[in-house]
Amino acid sequence: DNRGLAITLLGKQHMVACPKGKEDDLLAAAQKLNTELNEFKLRAH
């Protein structure tokens, strides 16, 4: 029921398991997380 999905966090690609049909949700979550990570990294130096 799972498939591998590539996400990028802090410029590094990761393969994660994702239930079929939930790919868009996982990609949206990864994009939100990546934005938060990059913004924090800029603020925290």
PDB file of all heavy atoms in Angstrom:
ATOM      1  N   ASP A   1       0.818  -1.213   0.000  1.00  0.00           N
ATOM      2  CA  ASP A   1       0.000   0.000   0.000  1.00  0.00           C
ATOM      3  C   ASP A   1       0.847   1.257   0.000  1.00  0.00           C
ATOM      4  O   ASP A   1       0.325   2.354  -0.108  1.00  0.00           O
ATOM      5  CB  ASP A   1      -0.925   0.025   1.220  1.00  0.00           C
ATOM      6  CG  ASP A   1      -1.991  -1.058   1.155  1.00  0.00           C
ATOM      7  OD1 ASP A   1      -2.294  -1.520   0.038  1.00  0.00           O
ATOM      8  OD2 ASP A   1      -2.500  -1.434   2.213  1.00  0.00           O
ATOM      9  N   ASN A   2       2.161   1.125   0.150  1.00  0.00           N
ATOM     10  CA  ASN A   2       3.058   2.275   0.194  1.00  0.00           C
ATOM     11  C   ASN A   2       3.883   2.358  -1.078  1.00  0.00           C
ATOM     12  O   ASN A   2       4.111   1.363  -1.742  1.00  0.00           O
ATOM     13  CB  ASN A   2       4.020   2.176   1.388  1.00  0.00           C
ATOM     14  CG  ASN A   2       3.327   2.404   2.696  1.00  0.00           C
ATOM     15  OD1 ASN A   2       2.357   3.133   2.793  1.00  0.00           O
ATOM     16  ND2 ASN A   2       3.828   1.769   3.733  1.00  0.00           N
ATOM     17  N   ARG A   3       4.320   3.567  -1.361  1.00  0.00           N
ATOM     18  CA  ARG A   3       5.271   3.746  -2.448  1.00  0.00           C
ATOM     19  C   ARG A   3       6.325   4.727  -1.977  1.00  0.00           C
ATOM     20  O   ARG A   3       6.090   5.524  -1.069  1.00  0.00           O
ATOM     21  CB  ARG A   3       4.588   4.215  -3.722  1.00  0.00           C
ATOM     22  CG  ARG A   3       3.873   5.560  -3.604  1.00  0.00           C
ATOM     23  CD  ARG A   3       3.327   5.991  -4.929  1.00  0.00           C
ATOM     24  NE  ARG A   3       4.439   6.421  -5.761  1.00  0.00           N
ATOM     25  CZ  ARG A   3       4.480   7.558  -6.427  1.00  0.00           C
ATOM     26  NH1 ARG A   3       3.463   8.364  -6.393  1.00  0.00           N
ATOM     27  NH2 ARG A   3       5.523   7.878  -7.156  1.00  0.00           N
ATOM     28  N   GLY A   4       7.498   4.674  -2.584  1.00  0.00           N
ATOM     29  CA  GLY A   4       8.560   5.601  -2.234  1.00  0.00           C
ATOM     30  C   GLY A   4       8.317   6.954  -2.867  1.00  0.00           C
ATOM     31  O   GLY A   4       7.873   7.054  -4.004  1.00  0.00           O
ATOM     32  N   LEU A   5       8.576   7.994  -2.104  1.00  0.00           N
ATOM     33  CA  LEU A   5       8.389   9.355  -2.594  1.00  0.00           C
ATOM     34  C   LEU A   5       9.604  10.171  -2.201  1.00  0.00           C
ATOM     35  O   LEU A   5      10.062  10.102  -1.059  1.00  0.00           O
ATOM     36  CB  LEU A   5       7.117   9.948  -1.976  1.00  0.00           C
ATOM     37  CG  LEU A   5       6.618  11.256  -2.545  1.00  0.00           C
ATOM     38  CD1 LEU A   5       6.186  11.079  -3.999  1.00  0.00           C
ATOM     39  CD2 LEU A   5       5.445  11.768  -1.732  1.00  0.00           C
ATOM     40  N   ALA A   6      10.134  10.936  -3.129  1.00  0.00           N
ATOM     41  CA  ALA A   6      11.307  11.771  -2.858  1.00  0.00           C
ATOM     42  C   ALA A   6      10.846  13.132  -2.360  1.00  0.00           C
ATOM     43  O   ALA A   6       9.987  13.773  -2.974  1.00  0.00           O
ATOM     44  CB  ALA A   6      12.147  11.932  -4.118  1.00  0.00           C
ATOM     45  N   ILE A   7      11.392  13.546  -1.227  1.00  0.00           N
ATOM     46  CA  ILE A   7      11.148  14.894  -0.701  1.00  0.00           C
ATOM     47  C   ILE A   7      12.504  15.562  -0.501  1.00  0.00           C
ATOM     48  O   ILE A   7      13.521  14.891  -0.339  1.00  0.00           O
ATOM     49  CB  ILE A   7      10.342  14.882   0.615  1.00  0.00           C
ATOM     50  CG1 ILE A   7      11.105  14.147   1.722  1.00  0.00           C
ATOM     51  CG2 ILE A   7       8.959  14.284   0.392  1.00  0.00           C
ATOM     52  CD1 ILE A   7      10.511  14.321   3.094  1.00  0.00           C
ATOM     53  N   THR A   8      12.508  16.876  -0.509  1.00  0.00           N
ATOM     54  CA  THR A   8      13.737  17.631  -0.292  1.00  0.00           C
ATOM     55  C   THR A   8      13.587  18.500   0.939  1.00  0.00           C
ATOM     56  O   THR A   8      12.631  19.269   1.055  1.00  0.00           O
ATOM     57  CB  THR A   8      14.065  18.511  -1.522  1.00  0.00           C
ATOM     58  OG1 THR A   8      14.172  17.667  -2.663  1.00  0.00           O
ATOM     59  CG2 THR A   8      15.370  19.263  -1.330  1.00  0.00           C
ATOM     60  N   LEU A   9      14.530  18.342   1.872  1.00  0.00           N
ATOM     61  CA  LEU A   9      14.574  19.153   3.088  1.00  0.00           C
ATOM     62  C   LEU A   9      15.984  19.698   3.233  1.00  0.00           C
ATOM     63  O   LEU A   9      16.954  18.935   3.197  1.00  0.00           O
ATOM     64  CB  LEU A   9      14.201  18.325   4.318  1.00  0.00           C
ATOM     65  CG  LEU A   9      12.800  17.707   4.324  1.00  0.00           C
ATOM     66  CD1 LEU A   9      12.643  16.779   5.512  1.00  0.00           C
ATOM     67  CD2 LEU A   9      11.740  18.789   4.328  1.00  0.00           C
ATOM     68  N   LEU A  10      16.091  20.998   3.392  1.00  0.00           N
ATOM     69  CA  LEU A  10      17.382  21.666   3.550  1.00  0.00           C
ATOM     70  C   LEU A  10      18.361  21.288   2.436  1.00  0.00           C
ATOM     71  O   LEU A  10      19.536  21.058   2.662  1.00  0.00           O
ATOM     72  CB  LEU A  10      17.989  21.364   4.926  1.00  0.00           C
ATOM     73  CG  LEU A  10      17.238  21.937   6.117  1.00  0.00           C
ATOM     74  CD1 LEU A  10      17.828  21.418   7.413  1.00  0.00           C
ATOM     75  CD2 LEU A  10      17.256  23.466   6.088  1.00  0.00           C
ATOM     76  N   GLY A  11      17.825  21.192   1.223  1.00  0.00           N
ATOM     77  CA  GLY A  11      18.661  20.924   0.069  1.00  0.00           C
ATOM     78  C   GLY A  11      19.092  19.479  -0.098  1.00  0.00           C
ATOM     79  O   GLY A  11      19.866  19.165  -0.993  1.00  0.00           O
ATOM     80  N   LYS A  12      18.600  18.600   0.752  1.00  0.00           N
ATOM     81  CA  LYS A  12      18.954  17.185   0.670  1.00  0.00           C
ATOM     82  C   LYS A  12      17.706  16.377   0.334  1.00  0.00           C
ATOM     83  O   LYS A  12      16.647  16.580   0.924  1.00  0.00           O
ATOM     84  CB  LYS A  12      19.541  16.695   1.992  1.00  0.00           C
ATOM     85  CG  LYS A  12      20.837  17.382   2.362  1.00  0.00           C
ATOM     86  CD  LYS A  12      21.304  16.942   3.716  1.00  0.00           C
ATOM     87  CE  LYS A  12      22.517  17.773   4.132  1.00  0.00           C
ATOM     88  NZ  LYS A  12      22.793  17.667   5.548  1.00  0.00           N
ATOM     89  N   GLN A  13      17.864  15.445  -0.601  1.00  0.00           N
ATOM     90  CA  GLN A  13      16.741  14.625  -1.004  1.00  0.00           C
ATOM     91  C   GLN A  13      16.656  13.384  -0.118  1.00  0.00           C
ATOM     92  O   GLN A  13      17.668  12.777   0.231  1.00  0.00           O
ATOM     93  CB  GLN A  13      16.874  14.206  -2.462  1.00  0.00           C
ATOM     94  CG  GLN A  13      15.602  13.621  -3.026  1.00  0.00           C
ATOM     95  CD  GLN A  13      15.674  13.403  -4.516  1.00  0.00           C
ATOM     96  OE1 GLN A  13      16.668  12.880  -5.002  1.00  0.00           O
ATOM     97  NE2 GLN A  13      14.636  13.799  -5.223  1.00  0.00           N
ATOM     98  N   HIS A  14      15.424  13.048   0.251  1.00  0.00           N
ATOM     99  CA  HIS A  14      15.151  11.884   1.101  1.00  0.00           C
ATOM    100  C   HIS A  14      14.034  11.072   0.460  1.00  0.00           C
ATOM    101  O   HIS A  14      13.068  11.631  -0.043  1.00  0.00           O
ATOM    102  CB  HIS A  14      14.706  12.318   2.505  1.00  0.00           C
ATOM    103  CG  HIS A  14      15.657  13.236   3.187  1.00  0.00           C
ATOM    104  ND1 HIS A  14      16.716  12.782   3.927  1.00  0.00           N
ATOM    105  CD2 HIS A  14      15.714  14.586   3.230  1.00  0.00           C
ATOM    106  CE1 HIS A  14      17.386  13.812   4.409  1.00  0.00           C
ATOM    107  NE2 HIS A  14      16.805  14.922   3.990  1.00  0.00           N
ATOM    108  N   MET A  15      14.165   9.753   0.525  1.00  0.00           N
ATOM    109  CA  MET A  15      13.093   8.866   0.068  1.00  0.00           C
ATOM    110  C   MET A  15      12.300   8.428   1.295  1.00  0.00           C
ATOM    111  O   MET A  15      12.874   7.984   2.287  1.00  0.00           O
ATOM    112  CB  MET A  15      13.666   7.637  -0.640  1.00  0.00           C
ATOM    113  CG  MET A  15      14.262   7.928  -2.003  1.00  0.00           C
ATOM    114  SD  MET A  15      13.073   8.568  -3.200  1.00  0.00           S
ATOM    115  CE  MET A  15      12.001   7.175  -3.436  1.00  0.00           C
ATOM    116  N   VAL A  16      10.992   8.600   1.223  1.00  0.00           N
ATOM    117  CA  VAL A  16      10.128   8.220   2.341  1.00  0.00           C
ATOM    118  C   VAL A  16       8.976   7.373   1.813  1.00  0.00           C
ATOM    119  O   VAL A  16       8.573   7.496   0.653  1.00  0.00           O
ATOM    120  CB  VAL A  16       9.578   9.461   3.090  1.00  0.00           C
ATOM    121  CG1 VAL A  16      10.696  10.231   3.757  1.00  0.00           C
ATOM    122  CG2 VAL A  16       8.808  10.371   2.161  1.00  0.00           C
ATOM    123  N   ALA A  17       8.459   6.508   2.670  1.00  0.00           N
ATOM    124  CA  ALA A  17       7.298   5.704   2.311  1.00  0.00           C
ATOM    125  C   ALA A  17       6.047   6.572   2.405  1.00  0.00           C
ATOM    126  O   ALA A  17       5.921   7.412   3.301  1.00  0.00           O
ATOM    127  CB  ALA A  17       7.178   4.504   3.246  1.00  0.00           C
ATOM    128  N   CYS A  18       5.145   6.363   1.469  1.00  0.00           N
ATOM    129  CA  CYS A  18       3.921   7.159   1.435  1.00  0.00           C
ATOM    130  C   CYS A  18       2.765   6.267   0.999  1.00  0.00           C
ATOM    131  O   CYS A  18       2.885   5.554  -0.009  1.00  0.00           O
ATOM    132  CB  CYS A  18       4.107   8.314   0.455  1.00  0.00           C
ATOM    133  SG  CYS A  18       2.655   9.361   0.292  1.00  0.00           S
ATOM    134  N   PRO A  19       1.642   6.305   1.723  1.00  0.00           N
ATOM    135  CA  PRO A  19       0.481   5.527   1.285  1.00  0.00           C
ATOM    136  C   PRO A  19       0.000   6.015  -0.085  1.00  0.00           C
ATOM    137  O   PRO A  19       0.021   7.218  -0.361  1.00  0.00           O
ATOM    138  CB  PRO A  19      -0.581   5.813   2.353  1.00  0.00           C
ATOM    139  CG  PRO A  19       0.179   6.325   3.530  1.00  0.00           C
ATOM    140  CD  PRO A  19       1.386   7.009   2.978  1.00  0.00           C
ATOM    141  N   LYS A  20      -0.420   5.083  -0.906  1.00  0.00           N
ATOM    142  CA  LYS A  20      -0.955   5.447  -2.221  1.00  0.00           C
ATOM    143  C   LYS A  20      -2.126   6.396  -2.048  1.00  0.00           C
ATOM    144  O   LYS A  20      -2.952   6.225  -1.158  1.00  0.00           O
ATOM    145  CB  LYS A  20      -1.388   4.196  -2.980  1.00  0.00           C
ATOM    146  CG  LYS A  20      -0.229   3.354  -3.452  1.00  0.00           C
ATOM    147  CD  LYS A  20      -0.703   2.140  -4.231  1.00  0.00           C
ATOM    148  CE  LYS A  20       0.495   1.291  -4.628  1.00  0.00           C
ATOM    149  NZ  LYS A  20       0.111   0.044  -5.265  1.00  0.00           N
ATOM    150  N   GLY A  21      -2.151   7.418  -2.873  1.00  0.00           N
ATOM    151  CA  GLY A  21      -3.222   8.412  -2.813  1.00  0.00           C
ATOM    152  C   GLY A  21      -2.942   9.573  -1.880  1.00  0.00           C
ATOM    153  O   GLY A  21      -3.701  10.536  -1.834  1.00  0.00           O
ATOM    154  N   LYS A  22      -1.874   9.485  -1.094  1.00  0.00           N
ATOM    155  CA  LYS A  22      -1.541  10.548  -0.134  1.00  0.00           C
ATOM    156  C   LYS A  22      -0.298  11.332  -0.555  1.00  0.00           C
ATOM    157  O   LYS A  22       0.233  12.123   0.211  1.00  0.00           O
ATOM    158  CB  LYS A  22      -1.311   9.955   1.263  1.00  0.00           C
ATOM    159  CG  LYS A  22      -2.535   9.287   1.851  1.00  0.00           C
ATOM    160  CD  LYS A  22      -3.605  10.309   2.120  1.00  0.00           C
ATOM    161  CE  LYS A  22      -4.799   9.671   2.801  1.00  0.00           C
ATOM    162  NZ  LYS A  22      -5.837  10.652   3.097  1.00  0.00           N
ATOM    163  N   GLU A  23       0.155  11.126  -1.790  1.00  0.00           N
ATOM    164  CA  GLU A  23       1.392  11.755  -2.250  1.00  0.00           C
ATOM    165  C   GLU A  23       1.319  13.278  -2.193  1.00  0.00           C
ATOM    166  O   GLU A  23       2.253  13.928  -1.723  1.00  0.00           O
ATOM    167  CB  GLU A  23       1.722  11.305  -3.685  1.00  0.00           C
ATOM    168  CG  GLU A  23       2.028   9.831  -3.817  1.00  0.00           C
ATOM    169  CD  GLU A  23       0.797   8.954  -4.059  1.00  0.00           C
ATOM    170  OE1 GLU A  23      -0.341   9.479  -4.026  1.00  0.00           O
ATOM    171  OE2 GLU A  23       0.990   7.753  -4.266  1.00  0.00           O
ATOM    172  N   ASP A  24       0.207  13.854  -2.660  1.00  0.00           N
ATOM    173  CA  ASP A  24       0.085  15.317  -2.660  1.00  0.00           C
ATOM    174  C   ASP A  24       0.118  15.885  -1.246  1.00  0.00           C
ATOM    175  O   ASP A  24       0.725  16.928  -1.002  1.00  0.00           O
ATOM    176  CB  ASP A  24      -1.193  15.754  -3.372  1.00  0.00           C
ATOM    177  CG  ASP A  24      -1.135  15.526  -4.878  1.00  0.00           C
ATOM    178  OD1 ASP A  24      -0.022  15.361  -5.423  1.00  0.00           O
ATOM    179  OD2 ASP A  24      -2.205  15.510  -5.513  1.00  0.00           O
ATOM    180  N   ASP A  25      -0.532  15.180  -0.310  1.00  0.00           N
ATOM    181  CA  ASP A  25      -0.528  15.636   1.082  1.00  0.00           C
ATOM    182  C   ASP A  25       0.884  15.610   1.659  1.00  0.00           C
ATOM    183  O   ASP A  25       1.304  16.552   2.335  1.00  0.00           O
ATOM    184  CB  ASP A  25      -1.435  14.754   1.946  1.00  0.00           C
ATOM    185  CG  ASP A  25      -2.909  14.897   1.594  1.00  0.00           C
ATOM    186  OD1 ASP A  25      -3.287  15.917   0.980  1.00  0.00           O
ATOM    187  OD2 ASP A  25      -3.676  13.976   1.930  1.00  0.00           O
ATOM    188  N   LEU A  26       1.609  14.531   1.383  1.00  0.00           N
ATOM    189  CA  LEU A  26       2.972  14.420   1.903  1.00  0.00           C
ATOM    190  C   LEU A  26       3.886  15.466   1.275  1.00  0.00           C
ATOM    191  O   LEU A  26       4.698  16.081   1.964  1.00  0.00           O
ATOM    192  CB  LEU A  26       3.529  13.015   1.672  1.00  0.00           C
ATOM    193  CG  LEU A  26       4.950  12.796   2.186  1.00  0.00           C
ATOM    194  CD1 LEU A  26       5.051  13.050   3.687  1.00  0.00           C
ATOM    195  CD2 LEU A  26       5.425  11.399   1.862  1.00  0.00           C
ATOM    196  N   LEU A  27       3.746  15.686  -0.019  1.00  0.00           N
ATOM    197  CA  LEU A  27       4.574  16.704  -0.678  1.00  0.00           C
ATOM    198  C   LEU A  27       4.275  18.105  -0.141  1.00  0.00           C
ATOM    199  O   LEU A  27       5.187  18.906   0.059  1.00  0.00           O
ATOM    200  CB  LEU A  27       4.375  16.660  -2.199  1.00  0.00           C
ATOM    201  CG  LEU A  27       4.971  15.443  -2.892  1.00  0.00           C
ATOM    202  CD1 LEU A  27       4.547  15.406  -4.363  1.00  0.00           C
ATOM    203  CD2 LEU A  27       6.491  15.424  -2.772  1.00  0.00           C
ATOM    204  N   ALA A  28       2.999  18.391   0.134  1.00  0.00           N
ATOM    205  CA  ALA A  28       2.633  19.690   0.701  1.00  0.00           C
ATOM    206  C   ALA A  28       3.221  19.841   2.109  1.00  0.00           C
ATOM    207  O   ALA A  28       3.725  20.911   2.469  1.00  0.00           O
ATOM    208  CB  ALA A  28       1.113  19.854   0.738  1.00  0.00           C
ATOM    209  N   ALA A  29       3.167  18.771   2.898  1.00  0.00           N
ATOM    210  CA  ALA A  29       3.741  18.812   4.248  1.00  0.00           C
ATOM    211  C   ALA A  29       5.252  19.003   4.184  1.00  0.00           C
ATOM    212  O   ALA A  29       5.818  19.787   4.950  1.00  0.00           O
ATOM    213  CB  ALA A  29       3.401  17.524   5.003  1.00  0.00           C
ATOM    214  N   ALA A  30       5.899  18.299   3.261  1.00  0.00           N
ATOM    215  CA  ALA A  30       7.355  18.435   3.113  1.00  0.00           C
ATOM    216  C   ALA A  30       7.724  19.845   2.672  1.00  0.00           C
ATOM    217  O   ALA A  30       8.713  20.413   3.155  1.00  0.00           O
ATOM    218  CB  ALA A  30       7.878  17.409   2.111  1.00  0.00           C
ATOM    219  N   GLN A  31       6.934  20.418   1.785  1.00  0.00           N
ATOM    220  CA  GLN A  31       7.207  21.787   1.333  1.00  0.00           C
ATOM    221  C   GLN A  31       7.044  22.781   2.482  1.00  0.00           C
ATOM    222  O   GLN A  31       7.861  23.679   2.666  1.00  0.00           O
ATOM    223  CB  GLN A  31       6.278  22.154   0.178  1.00  0.00           C
ATOM    224  CG  GLN A  31       6.558  23.517  -0.414  1.00  0.00           C
ATOM    225  CD  GLN A  31       5.687  23.811  -1.621  1.00  0.00           C
ATOM    226  OE1 GLN A  31       4.684  23.142  -1.873  1.00  0.00           O
ATOM    227  NE2 GLN A  31       6.059  24.813  -2.375  1.00  0.00           N
ATOM    228  N   LYS A  32       5.998  22.603   3.283  1.00  0.00           N
ATOM    229  CA  LYS A  32       5.780  23.472   4.453  1.00  0.00           C
ATOM    230  C   LYS A  32       6.942  23.331   5.427  1.00  0.00           C
ATOM    231  O   LYS A  32       7.477  24.330   5.931  1.00  0.00           O
ATOM    232  CB  LYS A  32       4.459  23.091   5.125  1.00  0.00           C
ATOM    233  CG  LYS A  32       4.220  23.655   6.493  1.00  0.00           C
ATOM    234  CD  LYS A  32       3.785  25.082   6.444  1.00  0.00           C
ATOM    235  CE  LYS A  32       3.349  25.536   7.844  1.00  0.00           C
ATOM    236  NZ  LYS A  32       3.526  26.951   8.025  1.00  0.00           N
ATOM    237  N   LEU A  33       7.346  22.095   5.702  1.00  0.00           N
ATOM    238  CA  LEU A  33       8.462  21.854   6.617  1.00  0.00           C
ATOM    239  C   LEU A  33       9.748  22.455   6.071  1.00  0.00           C
ATOM    240  O   LEU A  33      10.488  23.115   6.804  1.00  0.00           O
ATOM    241  CB  LEU A  33       8.643  20.355   6.862  1.00  0.00           C
ATOM    242  CG  LEU A  33       9.813  19.953   7.753  1.00  0.00           C
ATOM    243  CD1 LEU A  33       9.738  20.628   9.119  1.00  0.00           C
ATOM    244  CD2 LEU A  33       9.870  18.441   7.889  1.00  0.00           C
ATOM    245  N   ASN A  34      10.009  22.292   4.798  1.00  0.00           N
ATOM    246  CA  ASN A  34      11.224  22.835   4.199  1.00  0.00           C
ATOM    247  C   ASN A  34      11.244  24.359   4.298  1.00  0.00           C
ATOM    248  O   ASN A  34      12.283  24.961   4.595  1.00  0.00           O
ATOM    249  CB  ASN A  34      11.357  22.384   2.748  1.00  0.00           C
ATOM    250  CG  ASN A  34      12.734  22.638   2.200  1.00  0.00           C
ATOM    251  OD1 ASN A  34      13.738  22.302   2.827  1.00  0.00           O
ATOM    252  ND2 ASN A  34      12.792  23.255   1.036  1.00  0.00           N
ATOM    253  N   THR A  35      10.105  24.986   4.082  1.00  0.00           N
ATOM    254  CA  THR A  35      10.010  26.447   4.228  1.00  0.00           C
ATOM    255  C   THR A  35      10.326  26.861   5.657  1.00  0.00           C
ATOM    256  O   THR A  35      11.104  27.797   5.886  1.00  0.00           O
ATOM    257  CB  THR A  35       8.607  26.937   3.824  1.00  0.00           C
ATOM    258  OG1 THR A  35       8.389  26.610   2.450  1.00  0.00           O
ATOM    259  CG2 THR A  35       8.456  28.430   4.036  1.00  0.00           C
ATOM    260  N   GLU A  36       9.729  26.170   6.627  1.00  0.00           N
ATOM    261  CA  GLU A  36       9.990  26.472   8.041  1.00  0.00           C
ATOM    262  C   GLU A  36      11.470  26.289   8.375  1.00  0.00           C
ATOM    263  O   GLU A  36      12.069  27.107   9.073  1.00  0.00           O
ATOM    264  CB  GLU A  36       9.144  25.572   8.944  1.00  0.00           C
ATOM    265  CG  GLU A  36       7.663  25.798   8.861  1.00  0.00           C
ATOM    266  CD  GLU A  36       7.198  27.043   9.581  1.00  0.00           C
ATOM    267  OE1 GLU A  36       7.856  27.484  10.538  1.00  0.00           O
ATOM    268  OE2 GLU A  36       6.148  27.578   9.174  1.00  0.00           O
ATOM    269  N   LEU A  37      12.066  25.208   7.878  1.00  0.00           N
ATOM    270  CA  LEU A  37      13.479  24.930   8.142  1.00  0.00           C
ATOM    271  C   LEU A  37      14.375  26.027   7.569  1.00  0.00           C
ATOM    272  O   LEU A  37      15.267  26.532   8.257  1.00  0.00           O
ATOM    273  CB  LEU A  37      13.876  23.573   7.545  1.00  0.00           C
ATOM    274  CG  LEU A  37      13.266  22.337   8.197  1.00  0.00           C
ATOM    275  CD1 LEU A  37      13.504  21.110   7.325  1.00  0.00           C
ATOM    276  CD2 LEU A  37      13.802  22.127   9.603  1.00  0.00           C
ATOM    277  N   ASN A  38      14.124  26.403   6.335  1.00  0.00           N
ATOM    278  CA  ASN A  38      14.956  27.421   5.696  1.00  0.00           C
ATOM    279  C   ASN A  38      14.796  28.790   6.354  1.00  0.00           C
ATOM    280  O   ASN A  38      15.777  29.513   6.535  1.00  0.00           O
ATOM    281  CB  ASN A  38      14.657  27.494   4.196  1.00  0.00           C
ATOM    282  CG  ASN A  38      15.244  26.321   3.451  1.00  0.00           C
ATOM    283  OD1 ASN A  38      16.391  25.955   3.648  1.00  0.00           O
ATOM    284  ND2 ASN A  38      14.445  25.718   2.587  1.00  0.00           N
ATOM    285  N   GLU A  39      13.558  29.148   6.725  1.00  0.00           N
ATOM    286  CA  GLU A  39      13.341  30.427   7.402  1.00  0.00           C
ATOM    287  C   GLU A  39      14.041  30.453   8.756  1.00  0.00           C
ATOM    288  O   GLU A  39      14.660  31.450   9.126  1.00  0.00           O
ATOM    289  CB  GLU A  39      11.844  30.699   7.552  1.00  0.00           C
ATOM    290  CG  GLU A  39      11.180  31.057   6.245  1.00  0.00           C
ATOM    291  CD  GLU A  39       9.679  31.223   6.356  1.00  0.00           C
ATOM    292  OE1 GLU A  39       9.105  31.026   7.460  1.00  0.00           O
ATOM    293  OE2 GLU A  39       9.059  31.535   5.320  1.00  0.00           O
ATOM    294  N   PHE A  40      13.935  29.356   9.496  1.00  0.00           N
ATOM    295  CA  PHE A  40      14.600  29.303  10.803  1.00  0.00           C
ATOM    296  C   PHE A  40      16.112  29.379  10.634  1.00  0.00           C
ATOM    297  O   PHE A  40      16.793  30.079  11.388  1.00  0.00           O
ATOM    298  CB  PHE A  40      14.229  28.031  11.568  1.00  0.00           C
ATOM    299  CG  PHE A  40      14.829  27.992  12.947  1.00  0.00           C
ATOM    300  CD1 PHE A  40      14.170  28.575  14.003  1.00  0.00           C
ATOM    301  CD2 PHE A  40      16.065  27.410  13.175  1.00  0.00           C
ATOM    302  CE1 PHE A  40      14.720  28.575  15.283  1.00  0.00           C
ATOM    303  CE2 PHE A  40      16.634  27.400  14.434  1.00  0.00           C
ATOM    304  CZ  PHE A  40      15.956  27.982  15.488  1.00  0.00           C
ATOM    305  N   LYS A  41      16.629  28.674   9.652  1.00  0.00           N
ATOM    306  CA  LYS A  41      18.075  28.657   9.426  1.00  0.00           C
ATOM    307  C   LYS A  41      18.593  30.066   9.130  1.00  0.00           C
ATOM    308  O   LYS A  41      19.656  30.457   9.613  1.00  0.00           O
ATOM    309  CB  LYS A  41      18.427  27.701   8.285  1.00  0.00           C
ATOM    310  CG  LYS A  41      19.899  27.383   8.194  1.00  0.00           C
ATOM    311  CD  LYS A  41      20.158  26.243   7.226  1.00  0.00           C
ATOM    312  CE  LYS A  41      21.605  25.809   7.320  1.00  0.00           C
ATOM    313  NZ  LYS A  41      21.877  24.634   6.494  1.00  0.00           N
ATOM    314  N   LEU A  42      17.831  30.852   8.375  1.00  0.00           N
ATOM    315  CA  LEU A  42      18.225  32.231   8.082  1.00  0.00           C
ATOM    316  C   LEU A  42      18.182  33.096   9.338  1.00  0.00           C
ATOM    317  O   LEU A  42      19.081  33.907   9.576  1.00  0.00           O
ATOM    318  CB  LEU A  42      17.314  32.829   7.008  1.00  0.00           C
ATOM    319  CG  LEU A  42      17.519  32.314   5.597  1.00  0.00           C
ATOM    320  CD1 LEU A  42      16.441  32.868   4.662  1.00  0.00           C
ATOM    321  CD2 LEU A  42      18.904  32.676   5.080  1.00  0.00           C
ATOM    322  N   ARG A  43      17.126  32.931  10.138  1.00  0.00           N
ATOM    323  CA  ARG A  43      16.987  33.732  11.361  1.00  0.00           C
ATOM    324  C   ARG A  43      18.038  33.369  12.399  1.00  0.00           C
ATOM    325  O   ARG A  43      18.541  34.231  13.108  1.00  0.00           O
ATOM    326  CB  ARG A  43      15.597  33.536  11.982  1.00  0.00           C
ATOM    327  CG  ARG A  43      14.486  34.230  11.274  1.00  0.00           C
ATOM    328  CD  ARG A  43      13.188  34.234  12.093  1.00  0.00           C
ATOM    329  NE  ARG A  43      12.852  32.978  12.731  1.00  0.00           N
ATOM    330  CZ  ARG A  43      12.119  32.012  12.182  1.00  0.00           C
ATOM    331  NH1 ARG A  43      11.653  32.136  10.967  1.00  0.00           N
ATOM    332  NH2 ARG A  43      11.830  30.918  12.867  1.00  0.00           N
ATOM    333  N   ALA A  44      18.350  32.088  12.513  1.00  0.00           N
ATOM    334  CA  ALA A  44      19.243  31.620  13.574  1.00  0.00           C
ATOM    335  C   ALA A  44      20.714  31.732  13.194  1.00  0.00           C
ATOM    336  O   ALA A  44      21.577  31.633  14.056  1.00  0.00           O
ATOM    337  CB  ALA A  44      18.915  30.170  13.925  1.00  0.00           C
ATOM    338  N   HIS A  45      20.991  31.937  11.926  1.00  0.00           N
ATOM    339  CA  HIS A  45      22.379  32.028  11.454  1.00  0.00           C
ATOM    340  C   HIS A  45      23.207  30.838  11.927  1.00  0.00           C
ATOM    341  O   HIS A  45      24.308  30.998  12.425  1.00  0.00           O
ATOM    342  CB  HIS A  45      23.037  33.338  11.912  1.00  0.00           C
ATOM    343  CG  HIS A  45      22.286  34.553  11.500  1.00  0.00           C
ATOM    344  ND1 HIS A  45      22.195  34.971  10.193  1.00  0.00           N
ATOM    345  CD2 HIS A  45      21.567  35.441  12.222  1.00  0.00           C
ATOM    346  CE1 HIS A  45      21.461  36.063  10.136  1.00  0.00           C
ATOM    347  NE2 HIS A  45      21.061  36.382  11.338  1.00  0.00           N
TER     348      HIS A  45
END
